[in-house]
Each structure stands twice: as structure tokens, then as C-alpha cells.
Amino acid sequence: MEKLSPQIHYSEEKLSRTIVKTVTYRLFILLLDFTTIFLLTHKTKVALGFMIVSNIYTTIGYFLHERTWDKIKWGKMIYRKK
């Protein structure tokens, strides 16, 4: 594989990919949040409440973080088959 110059060539993530990554990551985090809070409190309502509230604002934050980093060309390389 020939390495292309990162100053000239870079990849860009499609919006649909970012959305799917955001949703799958959030589902994983929902389970972790619920499990952790439930194990600490032994209260389902508290665990559900925390899980819902925290995941609303952190989902938005994750999405914005991903889209911002996708616009940064630093560290991106693509490879071309010979």
C-alpha cells in the first residue's frame, strides 16, 4: 500500500456514520450508567432518572465532539491500493 501525504489527502466521515456511532455508543453507556447507579443505590427509579438525564446532554456533547474532530485534518491518512 502506498501512503498518501496527509497534507493533501484525508478522509471524511459521513453524517450517517457519526449518527450510528453516537447511537450505539449511547446504548452501551446507558447500560453502564444504569448498572453502576443501581449497584450503588439499589434503587431502580434513581438509576433510571440518572441514566435518562445524563444521557441527553452527553449524547449531544459526543455528537458535537465527533463532528468537530472530523473536520480536523491532523492525523488522518488514507491508503491507496497499488
C-alpha atoms as a PDB file:
ATOM      1  CA  MET A   1       0.000   0.000   0.000  1.00  0.00           C
ATOM      2  CA  GLU A   2       1.207   3.448  -0.866  1.00  0.00           C
ATOM      3  CA  LYS A   3       0.909   6.019   1.885  1.00  0.00           C
ATOM      4  CA  LEU A   4      -0.567   9.309   0.668  1.00  0.00           C
ATOM      5  CA  SER A   5       0.506  12.642   2.040  1.00  0.00           C
ATOM      6  CA  PRO A   6      -1.761  13.662   4.962  1.00  0.00           C
ATOM      7  CA  GLN A   7      -1.301  17.303   3.929  1.00  0.00           C
ATOM      8  CA  ILE A   8      -3.079  16.603   0.628  1.00  0.00           C
ATOM      9  CA  HIS A   9      -5.332  13.603   1.223  1.00  0.00           C
ATOM     10  CA  TYR A  10      -7.636  12.987   4.131  1.00  0.00           C
ATOM     11  CA  SER A  11     -10.796  11.056   4.823  1.00  0.00           C
ATOM     12  CA  GLU A  12     -14.087  12.500   5.967  1.00  0.00           C
ATOM     13  CA  GLU A  13     -16.735  10.712   7.973  1.00  0.00           C
ATOM     14  CA  LYS A  14     -20.291  10.760   6.648  1.00  0.00           C
ATOM     15  CA  LEU A  15     -23.026  12.206   8.858  1.00  0.00           C
ATOM     16  CA  SER A  16     -24.859   8.844   8.886  1.00  0.00           C
ATOM     17  CA  ARG A  17     -21.748   7.094  10.251  1.00  0.00           C
ATOM     18  CA  THR A  18     -21.429   9.662  13.043  1.00  0.00           C
ATOM     19  CA  ILE A  19     -25.099   9.199  13.943  1.00  0.00           C
ATOM     20  CA  VAL A  20     -24.818   5.373  14.064  1.00  0.00           C
ATOM     21  CA  LYS A  21     -21.640   5.615  16.178  1.00  0.00           C
ATOM     22  CA  THR A  22     -23.384   8.055  18.520  1.00  0.00           C
ATOM     23  CA  VAL A  23     -26.455   5.827  18.960  1.00  0.00           C
ATOM     24  CA  THR A  24     -24.513   2.592  19.528  1.00  0.00           C
ATOM     25  CA  TYR A  25     -22.140   4.296  21.968  1.00  0.00           C
ATOM     26  CA  ARG A  26     -25.063   5.792  23.870  1.00  0.00           C
ATOM     27  CA  LEU A  27     -26.826   2.432  24.184  1.00  0.00           C
ATOM     28  CA  PHE A  28     -23.669   0.971  25.684  1.00  0.00           C
ATOM     29  CA  ILE A  29     -23.303   3.920  28.069  1.00  0.00           C
ATOM     30  CA  LEU A  30     -26.989   3.686  29.074  1.00  0.00           C
ATOM     31  CA  LEU A  31     -26.427   0.138  30.256  1.00  0.00           C
ATOM     32  CA  LEU A  32     -23.238   1.079  32.099  1.00  0.00           C
ATOM     33  CA  ASP A  33     -24.876   4.097  33.770  1.00  0.00           C
ATOM     34  CA  PHE A  34     -27.932   2.163  34.890  1.00  0.00           C
ATOM     35  CA  THR A  35     -25.909  -0.775  36.184  1.00  0.00           C
ATOM     36  CA  THR A  36     -23.452   1.398  38.103  1.00  0.00           C
ATOM     37  CA  ILE A  37     -26.067   3.619  39.750  1.00  0.00           C
ATOM     38  CA  PHE A  38     -28.310   0.658  40.547  1.00  0.00           C
ATOM     39  CA  LEU A  39     -25.425  -1.231  42.163  1.00  0.00           C
ATOM     40  CA  LEU A  40     -24.561   1.840  44.257  1.00  0.00           C
ATOM     41  CA  THR A  41     -28.119   2.762  45.305  1.00  0.00           C
ATOM     42  CA  HIS A  42     -30.199  -0.415  44.813  1.00  0.00           C
ATOM     43  CA  LYS A  43     -32.966   1.924  43.576  1.00  0.00           C
ATOM     44  CA  THR A  44     -34.372   1.423  40.094  1.00  0.00           C
ATOM     45  CA  LYS A  45     -36.029   4.864  39.888  1.00  0.00           C
ATOM     46  CA  VAL A  46     -32.825   6.690  40.842  1.00  0.00           C
ATOM     47  CA  ALA A  47     -30.804   4.660  38.324  1.00  0.00           C
ATOM     48  CA  LEU A  48     -33.341   5.285  35.551  1.00  0.00           C
ATOM     49  CA  GLY A  49     -33.541   9.006  36.326  1.00  0.00           C
ATOM     50  CA  PHE A  50     -29.789   9.458  36.296  1.00  0.00           C
ATOM     51  CA  MET A  51     -29.477   7.368  33.148  1.00  0.00           C
ATOM     52  CA  ILE A  52     -32.031   9.456  31.241  1.00  0.00           C
ATOM     53  CA  VAL A  53     -30.856  12.910  32.314  1.00  0.00           C
ATOM     54  CA  SER A  54     -27.138  12.322  31.909  1.00  0.00           C
ATOM     55  CA  ASN A  55     -27.501  10.672  28.534  1.00  0.00           C
ATOM     56  CA  ILE A  56     -29.473  13.516  26.989  1.00  0.00           C
ATOM     57  CA  TYR A  57     -26.725  16.101  27.348  1.00  0.00           C
ATOM     58  CA  THR A  58     -23.811  13.703  26.911  1.00  0.00           C
ATOM     59  CA  THR A  59     -25.255  12.376  23.620  1.00  0.00           C
ATOM     60  CA  ILE A  60     -25.347  15.897  22.236  1.00  0.00           C
ATOM     61  CA  GLY A  61     -21.819  16.510  23.518  1.00  0.00           C
ATOM     62  CA  TYR A  62     -20.492  13.311  21.946  1.00  0.00           C
ATOM     63  CA  PHE A  63     -22.106  14.101  18.587  1.00  0.00           C
ATOM     64  CA  LEU A  64     -20.642  17.635  18.525  1.00  0.00           C
ATOM     65  CA  HIS A  65     -17.240  16.295  19.584  1.00  0.00           C
ATOM     66  CA  GLU A  66     -17.223  13.718  16.760  1.00  0.00           C
ATOM     67  CA  ARG A  67     -18.282  16.236  14.105  1.00  0.00           C
ATOM     68  CA  THR A  68     -15.671  18.741  15.267  1.00  0.00           C
ATOM     69  CA  TRP A  69     -12.868  16.177  15.166  1.00  0.00           C
ATOM     70  CA  ASP A  70     -13.982  15.012  11.710  1.00  0.00           C
ATOM     71  CA  LYS A  71     -13.226  18.497  10.392  1.00  0.00           C
ATOM     72  CA  ILE A  72      -9.663  18.426  11.769  1.00  0.00           C
ATOM     73  CA  LYS A  73      -7.272  17.072   9.145  1.00  0.00           C
ATOM     74  CA  TRP A  74      -4.421  16.429  11.591  1.00  0.00           C
ATOM     75  CA  GLY A  75      -3.604  12.739  11.975  1.00  0.00           C
ATOM     76  CA  LYS A  76      -5.797  11.491   9.116  1.00  0.00           C
ATOM     77  CA  MET A  77      -4.324   9.262   6.445  1.00  0.00           C
ATOM     78  CA  ILE A  78      -5.857   7.197   3.691  1.00  0.00           C
ATOM     79  CA  TYR A  79      -4.182   4.405   1.783  1.00  0.00           C
ATOM     80  CA  ARG A  80      -4.485   3.551  -1.875  1.00  0.00           C
ATOM     81  CA  LYS A  81      -4.068   0.012  -3.269  1.00  0.00           C
ATOM     82  CA  LYS A  82      -1.384  -0.358  -5.934  1.00  0.00           C
END
